[in-house]
Amino acid sequence: MLQANTAKKAAMSWQILWFLPHVAAIYVIVQFCTPWLAGWTRGRLLPLLQMPSKSSSGFEFLFSHLFVFSFVPAFLAGLVNARFKHKVAEFVWMVPTTILAYKLITFPAVTSVFQSPSSSAFHHYFGGGFLIPESRDWQDFWRIARSNPDMMRGMSQVSFTAPFYAGLAYSAAAWVSLRTGANRKVIERVKEWEKQKFGHRDSLG
């Protein structure tokens, strides 16, 4: 009985230690995978489908579709958790959600009737309607970054809103994979396909 309790506590300790790497994975996805996926979609996928982007710049396209480009890669990464069976992955959404909630609560309040609705916290962290021109060089980029309010608002959403989206997706995928074995089924199907394709070739050789 004592050994069982000790083993259970040790397993729980390891689960807690894995919490930080899972949280870090969310922010890595947002910082690297999200902009890459947006650029690939705009530059490769949409032209291939003969659906050119209507956005005037890459940043405008990224910010306008931030939910999709942060949710999808995080969800796929969360499915991988089925291999490791880390239950703490289901709770990583709490960290970016807490940070975003703090930013919303502490956002400067509208103090004048002459201020536009765009001054609201919800619009700042969730609103769309970005108007950002394409930069010609680095000097032009930094000029836009300093002077364009939509650019600053978009970067705020990348820093705080996108991790919130990614955290929800990652945790939801971890929950689904741990309870349904969805990831295992996908892996098994891929292995069967590889066996049928390459196994058939080997038999011919």
N, C-alpha and C. Protein backbone atom coordinates (compact mmCIF):
# COMPACT_ATOMS: atom_id res chain seq x y z
N MET A 1 0.83 -1.21 0.00
CA MET A 1 0.00 0.00 0.00
C MET A 1 0.87 1.26 0.00
N LEU A 2 1.90 1.25 0.86
CA LEU A 2 2.81 2.38 0.96
C LEU A 2 3.56 2.59 -0.35
N GLN A 3 4.00 1.48 -0.95
CA GLN A 3 4.71 1.59 -2.22
C GLN A 3 3.80 2.14 -3.33
N ALA A 4 2.55 1.75 -3.30
CA ALA A 4 1.59 2.23 -4.30
C ALA A 4 1.39 3.73 -4.17
N ASN A 5 1.27 4.21 -2.92
CA ASN A 5 1.09 5.65 -2.69
C ASN A 5 2.33 6.44 -3.12
N THR A 6 3.51 5.85 -2.83
CA THR A 6 4.77 6.51 -3.21
C THR A 6 4.88 6.61 -4.73
N ALA A 7 4.52 5.53 -5.41
CA ALA A 7 4.58 5.52 -6.88
C ALA A 7 3.58 6.52 -7.46
N LYS A 8 2.42 6.61 -6.82
CA LYS A 8 1.40 7.54 -7.30
C LYS A 8 1.86 8.99 -7.14
N LYS A 9 2.51 9.29 -5.99
CA LYS A 9 3.00 10.64 -5.75
C LYS A 9 4.13 10.98 -6.72
N ALA A 10 4.98 9.99 -6.99
CA ALA A 10 6.08 10.23 -7.93
C ALA A 10 5.54 10.51 -9.33
N ALA A 11 4.52 9.76 -9.73
CA ALA A 11 3.92 9.97 -11.06
C ALA A 11 3.27 11.34 -11.15
N MET A 12 2.63 11.77 -10.06
CA MET A 12 1.99 13.08 -10.04
C MET A 12 3.04 14.20 -10.10
N SER A 13 4.17 13.99 -9.44
CA SER A 13 5.24 14.97 -9.46
C SER A 13 5.79 15.15 -10.87
N TRP A 14 5.94 14.03 -11.57
CA TRP A 14 6.42 14.11 -12.95
C TRP A 14 5.41 14.82 -13.84
N GLN A 15 4.12 14.57 -13.58
CA GLN A 15 3.08 15.25 -14.35
C GLN A 15 3.18 16.77 -14.17
N ILE A 16 3.39 17.21 -12.93
CA ILE A 16 3.49 18.64 -12.64
C ILE A 16 4.72 19.24 -13.31
N LEU A 17 5.82 18.50 -13.31
CA LEU A 17 7.04 18.99 -13.95
C LEU A 17 6.86 19.15 -15.45
N TRP A 18 5.98 18.35 -16.04
CA TRP A 18 5.74 18.44 -17.48
C TRP A 18 4.83 19.61 -17.85
N PHE A 19 4.25 20.25 -16.83
CA PHE A 19 3.31 21.34 -17.11
C PHE A 19 4.01 22.51 -17.82
N LEU A 20 5.16 22.90 -17.33
CA LEU A 20 5.88 24.03 -17.92
C LEU A 20 6.29 23.79 -19.37
N PRO A 21 6.84 22.61 -19.71
CA PRO A 21 7.14 22.37 -21.14
C PRO A 21 5.92 22.45 -22.04
N HIS A 22 4.77 22.01 -21.55
CA HIS A 22 3.55 22.10 -22.35
C HIS A 22 3.12 23.56 -22.53
N VAL A 23 3.26 24.35 -21.47
CA VAL A 23 2.95 25.77 -21.60
C VAL A 23 3.92 26.44 -22.56
N ALA A 24 5.18 26.09 -22.45
CA ALA A 24 6.19 26.66 -23.36
C ALA A 24 5.88 26.30 -24.80
N ALA A 25 5.35 25.09 -25.02
CA ALA A 25 5.02 24.65 -26.38
C ALA A 25 3.99 25.58 -27.02
N ILE A 26 3.06 26.06 -26.22
CA ILE A 26 2.03 26.97 -26.74
C ILE A 26 2.65 28.25 -27.29
N TYR A 27 3.57 28.81 -26.52
CA TYR A 27 4.18 30.07 -26.94
C TYR A 27 5.15 29.87 -28.09
N VAL A 28 5.79 28.73 -28.16
CA VAL A 28 6.66 28.42 -29.30
C VAL A 28 5.83 28.32 -30.57
N ILE A 29 4.69 27.65 -30.47
CA ILE A 29 3.79 27.51 -31.62
C ILE A 29 3.34 28.87 -32.11
N VAL A 30 2.95 29.75 -31.19
CA VAL A 30 2.46 31.07 -31.57
C VAL A 30 3.56 31.92 -32.20
N GLN A 31 4.76 31.84 -31.66
CA GLN A 31 5.85 32.69 -32.14
C GLN A 31 6.43 32.22 -33.47
N PHE A 32 6.40 30.91 -33.72
CA PHE A 32 7.06 30.39 -34.91
C PHE A 32 6.09 29.74 -35.91
N CYS A 33 5.25 28.83 -35.43
CA CYS A 33 4.36 28.11 -36.34
C CYS A 33 3.25 29.00 -36.90
N THR A 34 2.68 29.85 -36.05
CA THR A 34 1.56 30.70 -36.49
C THR A 34 1.95 31.64 -37.63
N PRO A 35 3.02 32.44 -37.49
CA PRO A 35 3.39 33.31 -38.62
C PRO A 35 3.84 32.53 -39.85
N TRP A 36 4.53 31.39 -39.63
CA TRP A 36 4.96 30.59 -40.78
C TRP A 36 3.75 30.05 -41.54
N LEU A 37 2.76 29.54 -40.81
CA LEU A 37 1.56 28.99 -41.45
C LEU A 37 0.80 30.08 -42.20
N ALA A 38 0.74 31.27 -41.62
CA ALA A 38 0.07 32.38 -42.30
C ALA A 38 0.80 32.75 -43.58
N GLY A 39 2.13 32.82 -43.52
CA GLY A 39 2.90 33.16 -44.70
C GLY A 39 2.80 32.10 -45.78
N TRP A 40 2.83 30.83 -45.37
CA TRP A 40 2.72 29.73 -46.33
C TRP A 40 1.34 29.71 -46.98
N THR A 41 0.31 29.96 -46.19
CA THR A 41 -1.05 29.98 -46.73
C THR A 41 -1.22 31.11 -47.73
N ARG A 42 -0.74 32.29 -47.36
CA ARG A 42 -0.89 33.46 -48.23
C ARG A 42 -0.02 33.37 -49.48
N GLY A 43 1.20 32.85 -49.31
CA GLY A 43 2.13 32.85 -50.42
C GLY A 43 2.10 31.62 -51.31
N ARG A 44 1.65 30.48 -50.74
CA ARG A 44 1.67 29.22 -51.50
C ARG A 44 0.29 28.61 -51.72
N LEU A 45 -0.45 28.43 -50.63
CA LEU A 45 -1.71 27.70 -50.72
C LEU A 45 -2.78 28.46 -51.49
N LEU A 46 -3.01 29.73 -51.13
CA LEU A 46 -4.06 30.50 -51.79
C LEU A 46 -3.79 30.70 -53.29
N PRO A 47 -2.56 31.03 -53.69
CA PRO A 47 -2.30 31.11 -55.14
C PRO A 47 -2.49 29.77 -55.85
N LEU A 48 -2.15 28.67 -55.16
CA LEU A 48 -2.33 27.35 -55.74
C LEU A 48 -3.81 27.05 -55.97
N LEU A 49 -4.64 27.51 -55.04
CA LEU A 49 -6.09 27.33 -55.15
C LEU A 49 -6.75 28.44 -55.97
N GLN A 50 -5.91 29.31 -56.53
CA GLN A 50 -6.40 30.45 -57.31
C GLN A 50 -7.35 31.32 -56.48
N MET A 51 -6.94 31.53 -55.23
CA MET A 51 -7.69 32.38 -54.30
C MET A 51 -6.73 33.40 -53.70
N PRO A 52 -6.30 34.38 -54.47
CA PRO A 52 -5.34 35.36 -53.96
C PRO A 52 -5.90 36.12 -52.76
N SER A 53 -5.03 36.41 -51.81
CA SER A 53 -5.45 37.12 -50.61
C SER A 53 -5.85 38.55 -50.94
N LYS A 54 -6.93 39.01 -50.30
CA LYS A 54 -7.40 40.37 -50.51
C LYS A 54 -6.69 41.35 -49.57
N SER A 55 -5.91 40.81 -48.64
CA SER A 55 -5.22 41.68 -47.70
C SER A 55 -4.11 42.45 -48.41
N SER A 56 -3.82 43.63 -47.90
CA SER A 56 -2.80 44.46 -48.53
C SER A 56 -1.40 44.13 -48.05
N SER A 57 -1.27 43.33 -47.00
CA SER A 57 0.06 42.99 -46.49
C SER A 57 0.03 41.66 -45.77
N GLY A 58 1.22 41.12 -45.55
CA GLY A 58 1.33 39.86 -44.83
C GLY A 58 0.89 39.98 -43.39
N PHE A 59 1.24 41.10 -42.75
CA PHE A 59 0.84 41.29 -41.36
C PHE A 59 -0.67 41.42 -41.25
N GLU A 60 -1.27 42.12 -42.18
CA GLU A 60 -2.73 42.27 -42.15
C GLU A 60 -3.40 40.91 -42.30
N PHE A 61 -2.86 40.06 -43.16
CA PHE A 61 -3.42 38.73 -43.36
C PHE A 61 -3.26 37.90 -42.09
N LEU A 62 -2.10 37.95 -41.47
CA LEU A 62 -1.86 37.21 -40.23
C LEU A 62 -2.80 37.65 -39.13
N PHE A 63 -2.88 38.95 -38.88
CA PHE A 63 -3.71 39.46 -37.79
C PHE A 63 -5.19 39.19 -38.03
N SER A 64 -5.62 39.25 -39.30
CA SER A 64 -7.03 39.07 -39.61
C SER A 64 -7.48 37.61 -39.47
N HIS A 65 -6.54 36.67 -39.51
CA HIS A 65 -6.87 35.25 -39.41
C HIS A 65 -6.10 34.59 -38.26
N LEU A 66 -5.87 35.36 -37.22
CA LEU A 66 -5.03 34.89 -36.12
C LEU A 66 -5.62 33.68 -35.42
N PHE A 67 -6.94 33.63 -35.30
CA PHE A 67 -7.57 32.50 -34.61
C PHE A 67 -7.23 31.18 -35.30
N VAL A 68 -7.40 31.13 -36.61
CA VAL A 68 -7.16 29.89 -37.35
C VAL A 68 -5.70 29.49 -37.29
N PHE A 69 -4.80 30.46 -37.51
CA PHE A 69 -3.38 30.14 -37.61
C PHE A 69 -2.73 29.84 -36.27
N SER A 70 -3.40 30.15 -35.19
CA SER A 70 -2.89 29.77 -33.87
C SER A 70 -3.62 28.54 -33.33
N PHE A 71 -4.89 28.38 -33.68
CA PHE A 71 -5.68 27.26 -33.17
C PHE A 71 -5.28 25.94 -33.82
N VAL A 72 -5.15 25.93 -35.14
CA VAL A 72 -4.91 24.68 -35.87
C VAL A 72 -3.59 24.01 -35.48
N PRO A 73 -2.43 24.71 -35.54
CA PRO A 73 -1.18 24.02 -35.17
C PRO A 73 -1.15 23.61 -33.70
N ALA A 74 -1.78 24.39 -32.83
CA ALA A 74 -1.81 24.03 -31.41
C ALA A 74 -2.66 22.78 -31.18
N PHE A 75 -3.76 22.67 -31.91
CA PHE A 75 -4.62 21.50 -31.78
C PHE A 75 -3.88 20.24 -32.23
N LEU A 76 -3.16 20.34 -33.34
CA LEU A 76 -2.40 19.20 -33.84
C LEU A 76 -1.30 18.81 -32.86
N ALA A 77 -0.66 19.81 -32.27
CA ALA A 77 0.37 19.52 -31.27
C ALA A 77 -0.22 18.87 -30.03
N GLY A 78 -1.41 19.29 -29.67
CA GLY A 78 -2.07 18.69 -28.51
C GLY A 78 -2.41 17.23 -28.71
N LEU A 79 -2.69 16.85 -29.96
CA LEU A 79 -2.98 15.45 -30.24
C LEU A 79 -1.78 14.55 -29.98
N VAL A 80 -0.59 15.11 -30.16
CA VAL A 80 0.63 14.34 -29.93
C VAL A 80 0.73 13.93 -28.46
N ASN A 81 0.07 14.68 -27.59
CA ASN A 81 0.12 14.38 -26.16
C ASN A 81 -0.37 12.99 -25.83
N ALA A 82 -1.16 12.40 -26.72
CA ALA A 82 -1.68 11.06 -26.46
C ALA A 82 -0.56 10.05 -26.31
N ARG A 83 0.55 10.30 -26.96
CA ARG A 83 1.70 9.39 -26.83
C ARG A 83 2.31 9.45 -25.43
N PHE A 84 2.32 10.64 -24.83
CA PHE A 84 2.98 10.83 -23.54
C PHE A 84 2.03 10.70 -22.36
N LYS A 85 0.73 10.83 -22.63
CA LYS A 85 -0.29 10.69 -21.59
C LYS A 85 -0.07 11.67 -20.43
N HIS A 86 0.23 12.90 -20.76
CA HIS A 86 0.39 13.94 -19.74
C HIS A 86 -0.95 14.63 -19.51
N LYS A 87 -1.59 14.32 -18.41
CA LYS A 87 -2.89 14.90 -18.13
C LYS A 87 -2.82 16.40 -17.88
N VAL A 88 -1.65 16.87 -17.45
CA VAL A 88 -1.52 18.31 -17.16
C VAL A 88 -1.66 19.14 -18.44
N ALA A 89 -1.50 18.51 -19.60
CA ALA A 89 -1.66 19.24 -20.86
C ALA A 89 -3.08 19.77 -21.03
N GLU A 90 -4.02 19.16 -20.32
CA GLU A 90 -5.41 19.61 -20.41
C GLU A 90 -5.63 20.96 -19.72
N PHE A 91 -4.65 21.40 -18.92
CA PHE A 91 -4.84 22.61 -18.12
C PHE A 91 -3.93 23.76 -18.52
N VAL A 92 -3.19 23.60 -19.62
CA VAL A 92 -2.27 24.67 -20.01
C VAL A 92 -3.01 25.94 -20.44
N TRP A 93 -4.28 25.81 -20.80
CA TRP A 93 -5.05 26.98 -21.21
C TRP A 93 -5.16 28.01 -20.09
N MET A 94 -4.99 27.56 -18.86
CA MET A 94 -5.18 28.46 -17.73
C MET A 94 -4.14 29.58 -17.70
N VAL A 95 -2.92 29.30 -18.14
CA VAL A 95 -1.85 30.31 -18.08
C VAL A 95 -2.11 31.46 -19.04
N PRO A 96 -2.25 31.21 -20.36
CA PRO A 96 -2.52 32.35 -21.26
C PRO A 96 -3.87 33.02 -21.00
N THR A 97 -4.84 32.25 -20.49
CA THR A 97 -6.14 32.84 -20.17
C THR A 97 -6.03 33.82 -19.02
N THR A 98 -5.26 33.44 -17.99
CA THR A 98 -5.06 34.33 -16.85
C THR A 98 -4.33 35.60 -17.25
N ILE A 99 -3.31 35.46 -18.10
CA ILE A 99 -2.55 36.62 -18.55
C ILE A 99 -3.43 37.55 -19.38
N LEU A 100 -4.22 36.98 -20.30
CA LEU A 100 -5.10 37.80 -21.13
C LEU A 100 -6.16 38.48 -20.28
N ALA A 101 -6.71 37.76 -19.30
CA ALA A 101 -7.71 38.36 -18.42
C ALA A 101 -7.12 39.55 -17.66
N TYR A 102 -5.89 39.42 -17.23
CA TYR A 102 -5.22 40.53 -16.53
C TYR A 102 -5.06 41.73 -17.46
N LYS A 103 -4.66 41.47 -18.72
CA LYS A 103 -4.50 42.56 -19.67
C LYS A 103 -5.83 43.25 -19.96
N LEU A 104 -6.91 42.49 -20.02
CA LEU A 104 -8.23 43.07 -20.26
C LEU A 104 -8.68 43.93 -19.08
N ILE A 105 -8.44 43.43 -17.88
CA ILE A 105 -8.88 44.14 -16.68
C ILE A 105 -8.10 45.43 -16.49
N THR A 106 -6.81 45.39 -16.79
CA THR A 106 -5.95 46.55 -16.55
C THR A 106 -5.84 47.47 -17.76
N PHE A 107 -6.60 47.19 -18.82
CA PHE A 107 -6.55 48.04 -20.01
C PHE A 107 -7.10 49.41 -19.67
N PRO A 108 -6.44 50.48 -20.15
CA PRO A 108 -6.92 51.84 -19.82
C PRO A 108 -8.37 52.05 -20.21
N ALA A 109 -9.16 52.52 -19.30
CA ALA A 109 -10.59 52.71 -19.54
C ALA A 109 -10.82 53.94 -20.42
N VAL A 110 -11.95 53.91 -21.14
CA VAL A 110 -12.35 55.05 -21.96
C VAL A 110 -12.81 56.16 -21.02
N THR A 111 -12.13 57.30 -21.08
CA THR A 111 -12.44 58.39 -20.14
C THR A 111 -13.13 59.57 -20.80
N SER A 112 -13.35 59.48 -22.12
CA SER A 112 -13.98 60.60 -22.81
C SER A 112 -14.98 60.09 -23.83
N VAL A 113 -16.07 60.83 -24.00
CA VAL A 113 -17.08 60.44 -24.98
C VAL A 113 -16.57 60.62 -26.39
N PHE A 114 -15.47 61.35 -26.54
CA PHE A 114 -14.92 61.59 -27.87
C PHE A 114 -13.97 60.47 -28.31
N GLN A 115 -13.66 59.56 -27.39
CA GLN A 115 -12.81 58.44 -27.77
C GLN A 115 -13.63 57.42 -28.54
N SER A 116 -13.02 56.81 -29.54
CA SER A 116 -13.71 55.87 -30.42
C SER A 116 -13.85 54.51 -29.74
N PRO A 117 -14.79 53.66 -30.24
CA PRO A 117 -14.95 52.31 -29.68
C PRO A 117 -13.69 51.47 -29.81
N SER A 118 -12.79 51.86 -30.74
CA SER A 118 -11.56 51.10 -30.91
C SER A 118 -10.65 51.21 -29.70
N SER A 119 -10.99 52.11 -28.78
CA SER A 119 -10.20 52.25 -27.56
C SER A 119 -10.55 51.19 -26.52
N SER A 120 -11.58 50.41 -26.77
CA SER A 120 -12.00 49.43 -25.78
C SER A 120 -11.03 48.25 -25.73
N ALA A 121 -10.98 47.60 -24.58
CA ALA A 121 -10.09 46.47 -24.39
C ALA A 121 -10.46 45.30 -25.29
N PHE A 122 -11.76 45.05 -25.45
CA PHE A 122 -12.20 43.92 -26.28
C PHE A 122 -11.75 44.12 -27.72
N HIS A 123 -11.92 45.34 -28.23
CA HIS A 123 -11.50 45.60 -29.62
C HIS A 123 -9.99 45.47 -29.75
N HIS A 124 -9.28 45.92 -28.75
CA HIS A 124 -7.82 45.89 -28.81
C HIS A 124 -7.30 44.46 -28.90
N TYR A 125 -7.90 43.54 -28.14
CA TYR A 125 -7.39 42.17 -28.07
C TYR A 125 -8.17 41.16 -28.91
N PHE A 126 -9.35 41.53 -29.39
CA PHE A 126 -10.14 40.58 -30.19
C PHE A 126 -10.65 41.16 -31.51
N GLY A 127 -10.61 42.47 -31.66
CA GLY A 127 -11.19 43.09 -32.84
C GLY A 127 -10.40 42.86 -34.11
N GLY A 128 -11.10 42.93 -35.25
CA GLY A 128 -10.46 42.79 -36.55
C GLY A 128 -10.39 44.13 -37.25
N GLY A 129 -10.58 44.10 -38.59
CA GLY A 129 -10.57 45.33 -39.35
C GLY A 129 -9.22 46.00 -39.43
N PHE A 130 -8.16 45.21 -39.64
CA PHE A 130 -6.81 45.76 -39.70
C PHE A 130 -6.55 46.41 -41.07
N LEU A 131 -5.87 47.54 -41.04
CA LEU A 131 -5.45 48.23 -42.25
C LEU A 131 -3.96 48.52 -42.13
N ILE A 132 -3.16 47.62 -42.71
CA ILE A 132 -1.71 47.73 -42.58
C ILE A 132 -1.08 47.59 -43.97
N PRO A 133 -0.40 48.60 -44.47
CA PRO A 133 0.22 48.51 -45.79
C PRO A 133 1.44 47.60 -45.77
N GLU A 134 1.83 47.13 -46.93
CA GLU A 134 3.03 46.30 -47.06
C GLU A 134 4.27 47.19 -46.93
N SER A 135 5.23 46.75 -46.14
CA SER A 135 6.46 47.52 -45.97
C SER A 135 7.44 47.22 -47.11
N ARG A 136 8.17 48.24 -47.55
CA ARG A 136 9.12 48.08 -48.65
C ARG A 136 10.49 47.64 -48.18
N ASP A 137 10.86 48.04 -46.98
CA ASP A 137 12.16 47.68 -46.41
C ASP A 137 12.06 47.75 -44.89
N TRP A 138 13.18 47.48 -44.20
CA TRP A 138 13.16 47.46 -42.75
C TRP A 138 12.85 48.83 -42.17
N GLN A 139 13.37 49.86 -42.79
CA GLN A 139 13.10 51.22 -42.31
C GLN A 139 11.62 51.53 -42.40
N ASP A 140 11.02 51.13 -43.50
CA ASP A 140 9.58 51.35 -43.68
C ASP A 140 8.78 50.51 -42.70
N PHE A 141 9.28 49.29 -42.44
CA PHE A 141 8.60 48.42 -41.47
C PHE A 141 8.56 49.05 -40.09
N TRP A 142 9.69 49.57 -39.63
CA TRP A 142 9.73 50.17 -38.30
C TRP A 142 8.91 51.45 -38.23
N ARG A 143 8.82 52.17 -39.35
CA ARG A 143 7.98 53.37 -39.38
C ARG A 143 6.51 52.98 -39.19
N ILE A 144 6.10 51.91 -39.89
CA ILE A 144 4.71 51.44 -39.77
C ILE A 144 4.46 50.91 -38.37
N ALA A 145 5.44 50.17 -37.83
CA ALA A 145 5.27 49.59 -36.50
C ALA A 145 5.09 50.65 -35.43
N ARG A 146 5.75 51.79 -35.60
CA ARG A 146 5.67 52.85 -34.59
C ARG A 146 4.44 53.73 -34.75
N SER A 147 3.98 53.90 -35.99
CA SER A 147 2.93 54.89 -36.24
C SER A 147 1.54 54.30 -36.50
N ASN A 148 1.47 53.05 -36.93
CA ASN A 148 0.19 52.46 -37.29
C ASN A 148 -0.45 51.81 -36.07
N PRO A 149 -1.60 52.31 -35.59
CA PRO A 149 -2.23 51.72 -34.39
C PRO A 149 -2.69 50.28 -34.63
N ASP A 150 -3.07 49.94 -35.87
CA ASP A 150 -3.49 48.57 -36.16
C ASP A 150 -2.32 47.60 -36.04
N MET A 151 -1.12 48.07 -36.38
CA MET A 151 0.06 47.23 -36.24
C MET A 151 0.33 46.91 -34.78
N MET A 152 0.24 47.93 -33.95
CA MET A 152 0.47 47.73 -32.51
C MET A 152 -0.63 46.85 -31.90
N ARG A 153 -1.86 47.05 -32.37
CA ARG A 153 -2.97 46.23 -31.87
C ARG A 153 -2.80 44.78 -32.30
N GLY A 154 -2.34 44.56 -33.54
CA GLY A 154 -2.12 43.20 -34.02
C GLY A 154 -1.02 42.50 -33.25
N MET A 155 0.04 43.22 -32.94
CA MET A 155 1.14 42.62 -32.18
C MET A 155 0.69 42.28 -30.77
N SER A 156 -0.19 43.09 -30.20
CA SER A 156 -0.74 42.77 -28.88
C SER A 156 -1.56 41.48 -28.94
N GLN A 157 -2.30 41.31 -30.02
CA GLN A 157 -3.09 40.08 -30.17
C GLN A 157 -2.20 38.87 -30.36
N VAL A 158 -1.09 39.03 -31.08
CA VAL A 158 -0.15 37.92 -31.23
C VAL A 158 0.46 37.56 -29.88
N SER A 159 0.76 38.55 -29.07
CA SER A 159 1.42 38.32 -27.78
C SER A 159 0.50 37.74 -26.72
N PHE A 160 -0.79 38.13 -26.74
CA PHE A 160 -1.68 37.74 -25.65
C PHE A 160 -2.92 36.96 -26.09
N THR A 161 -3.51 37.32 -27.22
CA THR A 161 -4.73 36.64 -27.66
C THR A 161 -4.42 35.32 -28.34
N ALA A 162 -3.40 35.30 -29.19
CA ALA A 162 -3.03 34.06 -29.88
C ALA A 162 -2.65 32.94 -28.92
N PRO A 163 -1.86 33.20 -27.86
CA PRO A 163 -1.61 32.13 -26.89
C PRO A 163 -2.88 31.63 -26.20
N PHE A 164 -3.86 32.53 -26.02
CA PHE A 164 -5.15 32.12 -25.47
C PHE A 164 -5.84 31.14 -26.41
N TYR A 165 -5.90 31.46 -27.70
CA TYR A 165 -6.47 30.55 -28.69
C TYR A 165 -5.71 29.22 -28.71
N ALA A 166 -4.39 29.33 -28.73
CA ALA A 166 -3.56 28.13 -28.81
C ALA A 166 -3.70 27.27 -27.56
N GLY A 167 -3.81 27.91 -26.41
CA GLY A 167 -3.97 27.16 -25.16
C GLY A 167 -5.27 26.38 -25.14
N LEU A 168 -6.36 27.01 -25.60
CA LEU A 168 -7.64 26.31 -25.67
C LEU A 168 -7.56 25.12 -26.62
N ALA A 169 -6.93 25.33 -27.79
CA ALA A 169 -6.82 24.26 -28.77
C ALA A 169 -5.96 23.12 -28.26
N TYR A 170 -4.84 23.45 -27.66
CA TYR A 170 -3.90 22.45 -27.16
C TYR A 170 -4.55 21.60 -26.06
N SER A 171 -5.21 22.27 -25.13
CA SER A 171 -5.86 21.55 -24.03
C SER A 171 -7.03 20.70 -24.53
N ALA A 172 -7.81 21.25 -25.46
CA ALA A 172 -8.94 20.49 -26.00
C ALA A 172 -8.46 19.25 -26.74
N ALA A 173 -7.39 19.38 -27.52
CA ALA A 173 -6.85 18.24 -28.24
C ALA A 173 -6.29 17.20 -27.28
N ALA A 174 -5.62 17.66 -26.22
CA ALA A 174 -5.09 16.73 -25.23
C ALA A 174 -6.23 15.97 -24.54
N TRP A 175 -7.29 16.69 -24.22
CA TRP A 175 -8.46 16.06 -23.59
C TRP A 175 -9.06 15.00 -24.50
N VAL A 176 -9.24 15.34 -25.77
CA VAL A 176 -9.83 14.42 -26.73
C VAL A 176 -8.95 13.20 -26.94
N SER A 177 -7.65 13.43 -27.13
CA SER A 177 -6.74 12.32 -27.43
C SER A 177 -6.60 11.36 -26.25
N LEU A 178 -6.60 11.90 -25.03
CA LEU A 178 -6.46 11.04 -23.85
C LEU A 178 -7.69 10.19 -23.60
N ARG A 179 -8.84 10.65 -24.06
CA ARG A 179 -10.08 9.93 -23.78
C ARG A 179 -10.63 9.13 -24.95
N THR A 180 -10.19 9.46 -26.14
CA THR A 180 -10.72 8.74 -27.31
C THR A 180 -9.66 7.98 -28.08
N GLY A 181 -8.39 8.27 -27.82
CA GLY A 181 -7.34 7.62 -28.58
C GLY A 181 -7.33 8.03 -30.03
N ALA A 182 -7.76 9.28 -30.29
CA ALA A 182 -7.84 9.75 -31.68
C ALA A 182 -6.48 9.74 -32.35
N ASN A 183 -5.46 10.16 -31.61
CA ASN A 183 -4.13 10.19 -32.19
C ASN A 183 -3.63 8.79 -32.52
N ARG A 184 -3.95 7.83 -31.66
CA ARG A 184 -3.52 6.44 -31.89
C ARG A 184 -4.17 5.88 -33.14
N LYS A 185 -5.43 6.22 -33.35
CA LYS A 185 -6.13 5.73 -34.55
C LYS A 185 -5.51 6.29 -35.82
N VAL A 186 -5.14 7.57 -35.76
CA VAL A 186 -4.51 8.19 -36.93
C VAL A 186 -3.18 7.54 -37.22
N ILE A 187 -2.38 7.32 -36.18
CA ILE A 187 -1.07 6.70 -36.36
C ILE A 187 -1.20 5.29 -36.91
N GLU A 188 -2.18 4.55 -36.41
CA GLU A 188 -2.39 3.19 -36.89
C GLU A 188 -2.77 3.18 -38.37
N ARG A 189 -3.58 4.13 -38.79
CA ARG A 189 -3.97 4.20 -40.20
C ARG A 189 -2.79 4.55 -41.09
N VAL A 190 -1.94 5.45 -40.60
CA VAL A 190 -0.74 5.81 -41.37
C VAL A 190 0.18 4.61 -41.50
N LYS A 191 0.34 3.86 -40.43
CA LYS A 191 1.19 2.68 -40.48
C LYS A 191 0.62 1.63 -41.42
N GLU A 192 -0.68 1.47 -41.41
CA GLU A 192 -1.31 0.50 -42.33
C GLU A 192 -1.10 0.93 -43.78
N TRP A 193 -1.23 2.25 -44.04
CA TRP A 193 -1.01 2.76 -45.40
C TRP A 193 0.43 2.52 -45.84
N GLU A 194 1.39 2.79 -44.93
CA GLU A 194 2.79 2.58 -45.27
C GLU A 194 3.09 1.09 -45.49
N LYS A 195 2.47 0.25 -44.70
CA LYS A 195 2.69 -1.18 -44.85
C LYS A 195 2.15 -1.68 -46.18
N GLN A 196 0.97 -1.20 -46.55
CA GLN A 196 0.38 -1.61 -47.82
C GLN A 196 1.19 -1.12 -49.01
N LYS A 197 1.68 0.12 -48.91
CA LYS A 197 2.41 0.71 -50.04
C LYS A 197 3.81 0.16 -50.15
N PHE A 198 4.59 0.27 -49.09
CA PHE A 198 5.99 -0.13 -49.15
C PHE A 198 6.16 -1.63 -48.99
N GLY A 199 5.23 -2.24 -48.24
CA GLY A 199 5.29 -3.71 -48.13
C GLY A 199 5.04 -4.38 -49.45
N HIS A 200 4.12 -3.78 -50.25
CA HIS A 200 3.82 -4.32 -51.56
C HIS A 200 5.02 -4.20 -52.48
N ARG A 201 5.77 -3.08 -52.36
CA ARG A 201 6.96 -2.89 -53.16
C ARG A 201 8.04 -3.91 -52.82
N ASP A 202 8.20 -4.16 -51.50
CA ASP A 202 9.20 -5.13 -51.07
C ASP A 202 8.91 -6.50 -51.60
N SER A 203 7.60 -6.84 -51.59
CA SER A 203 7.25 -8.17 -52.07
C SER A 203 7.53 -8.32 -53.57
N LEU A 204 7.38 -7.21 -54.33
CA LEU A 204 7.69 -7.24 -55.75
C LEU A 204 9.18 -7.34 -55.98
N GLY A 205 9.96 -6.72 -55.10
CA GLY A 205 11.40 -6.78 -55.26
C GLY A 205 11.95 -8.14 -54.88
